[in-house]
Amino acid sequence: MLLCCGCAKHPATVPVSGEVLYKGQPLKQGRIIFEIDGQRPATGKIADGKIVEVTSYEPNDGVAPGTVKIAVFSLGEEKGYMEADTESLIPEKYNHPKTSGLAATIEKGKKNVIKLTLE
């Protein structure tokens, strides 16, 4: 009997890149989540409007193919030592895949470049 601990394969993923605009301008900073039914969510960073470092299982491996719902977060600086809350720089409806209204189709074998425009 051959045992292999920790060598389970994960579902295929594909690279994703793109940009996020808020009120017509590149979103300076933030995080992005790609949620797909039955798959592990992928997360990435938003830096100067660009979607970068999108990861599901391994650094920069991308997102599982299929239709994804998307959430975007962009928080301001902390208000002070005792106030851990930070202020959202975008409307909070974008903070959850079910309320953001943002979605995309990720396709295997294609260059997946997503452009999101937030109002």
Protein backbone atom coordinates (compact mmCIF):
# COMPACT_ATOMS: atom_id res chain seq x y z
CA MET A 1 0.00 0.00 0.00
CA LEU A 2 1.39 3.37 -0.99
CA LEU A 3 0.53 6.38 1.15
CA CYS A 4 0.94 9.93 0.02
CA CYS A 5 0.24 12.58 2.61
CA GLY A 6 -0.22 16.14 1.41
CA CYS A 7 0.09 15.34 -2.26
CA ALA A 8 -3.56 15.68 -3.24
CA LYS A 9 -4.04 17.63 -6.43
CA HIS A 10 -6.18 20.73 -6.41
CA PRO A 11 -8.53 21.76 -9.22
CA ALA A 12 -7.03 23.51 -12.23
CA THR A 13 -6.69 27.27 -12.07
CA VAL A 14 -5.90 29.91 -14.68
CA PRO A 15 -4.12 33.25 -14.33
CA VAL A 16 -6.25 36.38 -13.97
CA SER A 17 -5.27 40.02 -14.26
CA GLY A 18 -7.08 43.28 -14.91
CA GLU A 19 -7.98 46.62 -13.50
CA VAL A 20 -10.42 48.20 -11.07
CA LEU A 21 -11.72 51.73 -11.56
CA TYR A 22 -13.71 53.71 -9.01
CA LYS A 23 -15.53 56.79 -10.29
CA GLY A 24 -13.44 56.61 -13.45
CA GLN A 25 -10.06 56.53 -11.65
CA PRO A 26 -7.81 53.56 -10.85
CA LEU A 27 -8.56 52.23 -7.35
CA LYS A 28 -5.36 52.99 -5.49
CA GLN A 29 -5.38 50.02 -3.11
CA GLY A 30 -7.49 47.09 -2.06
CA ARG A 31 -8.21 43.38 -2.09
CA ILE A 32 -10.34 41.33 -4.43
CA ILE A 33 -12.11 38.00 -3.92
CA PHE A 34 -13.27 35.68 -6.70
CA GLU A 35 -15.95 33.24 -5.52
CA ILE A 36 -17.06 30.25 -7.59
CA ASP A 37 -19.58 27.63 -6.48
CA GLY A 38 -17.95 24.43 -5.27
CA GLN A 39 -14.40 25.82 -5.46
CA ARG A 40 -12.00 27.51 -3.10
CA PRO A 41 -12.24 31.32 -3.42
CA ALA A 42 -9.27 33.12 -4.94
CA THR A 43 -7.91 36.36 -3.52
CA GLY A 44 -5.74 39.07 -4.97
CA LYS A 45 -4.44 42.56 -4.41
CA ILE A 46 -5.36 45.81 -6.10
CA ALA A 47 -2.41 48.15 -6.52
CA ASP A 48 -2.76 51.42 -8.46
CA GLY A 49 -5.84 50.02 -10.18
CA LYS A 50 -4.21 46.75 -11.27
CA ILE A 51 -5.37 43.30 -10.13
CA VAL A 52 -2.25 41.38 -9.07
CA GLU A 53 -1.15 38.28 -7.14
CA VAL A 54 -4.40 36.34 -7.67
CA THR A 55 -4.12 33.13 -5.64
CA SER A 56 -6.32 30.09 -5.00
CA TYR A 57 -3.89 27.42 -3.76
CA GLU A 58 -0.36 28.56 -4.61
CA PRO A 59 1.02 32.08 -5.12
CA ASN A 60 -0.24 33.62 -8.37
CA ASP A 61 -1.96 30.43 -9.58
CA GLY A 62 -5.18 32.27 -10.47
CA VAL A 63 -8.83 31.26 -10.36
CA ALA A 64 -10.74 28.07 -11.19
CA PRO A 65 -12.48 28.33 -14.59
CA GLY A 66 -16.18 29.17 -14.53
CA THR A 67 -18.47 32.04 -13.63
CA VAL A 68 -17.17 33.91 -10.61
CA LYS A 69 -18.82 36.42 -8.32
CA ILE A 70 -16.48 39.17 -7.20
CA ALA A 71 -16.03 41.28 -4.07
CA VAL A 72 -13.76 44.32 -3.76
CA PHE A 73 -12.45 45.91 -0.57
CA SER A 74 -10.59 49.19 -0.20
CA LEU A 75 -10.01 50.51 3.28
CA GLY A 76 -8.57 53.81 4.49
CA GLU A 77 -5.96 54.16 7.17
CA GLU A 78 -6.71 53.23 10.75
CA LYS A 79 -8.25 56.12 12.68
CA GLY A 80 -6.17 55.71 15.82
CA TYR A 81 -4.66 53.32 18.31
CA MET A 82 -7.91 52.50 20.13
CA GLU A 83 -10.06 52.61 16.99
CA ALA A 84 -9.32 49.51 14.94
CA ASP A 85 -12.10 50.33 12.49
CA THR A 86 -11.09 51.59 9.10
CA GLU A 87 -13.28 53.43 6.69
CA SER A 88 -14.26 51.85 3.39
CA LEU A 89 -13.13 53.98 0.45
CA ILE A 90 -15.80 52.46 -1.80
CA PRO A 91 -19.50 51.69 -1.22
CA GLU A 92 -19.80 48.68 1.10
CA LYS A 93 -22.08 46.82 -1.33
CA TYR A 94 -18.89 45.87 -3.20
CA ASN A 95 -17.53 44.07 -0.09
CA HIS A 96 -19.54 40.89 -0.64
CA PRO A 97 -19.86 38.74 -3.78
CA LYS A 98 -23.64 38.43 -3.30
CA THR A 99 -24.26 42.20 -3.17
CA SER A 100 -21.52 43.62 -5.39
CA GLY A 101 -23.20 42.92 -8.73
CA LEU A 102 -19.72 42.07 -10.06
CA ALA A 103 -19.11 38.86 -11.99
CA ALA A 104 -16.87 37.47 -14.71
CA THR A 105 -16.37 34.31 -16.72
CA ILE A 106 -12.94 32.74 -16.31
CA GLU A 107 -11.98 30.53 -19.24
CA LYS A 108 -9.30 27.88 -19.51
CA GLY A 109 -6.79 28.49 -22.30
CA LYS A 110 -7.61 32.21 -22.64
CA LYS A 111 -6.05 35.39 -21.34
CA ASN A 112 -8.43 36.37 -18.54
CA VAL A 113 -8.28 40.14 -18.17
CA ILE A 114 -11.04 41.63 -16.05
CA LYS A 115 -12.04 45.28 -16.06
CA LEU A 116 -14.27 46.35 -13.18
CA THR A 117 -15.88 49.78 -12.96
CA LEU A 118 -17.25 50.76 -9.55
CA GLU A 119 -19.52 53.74 -9.03
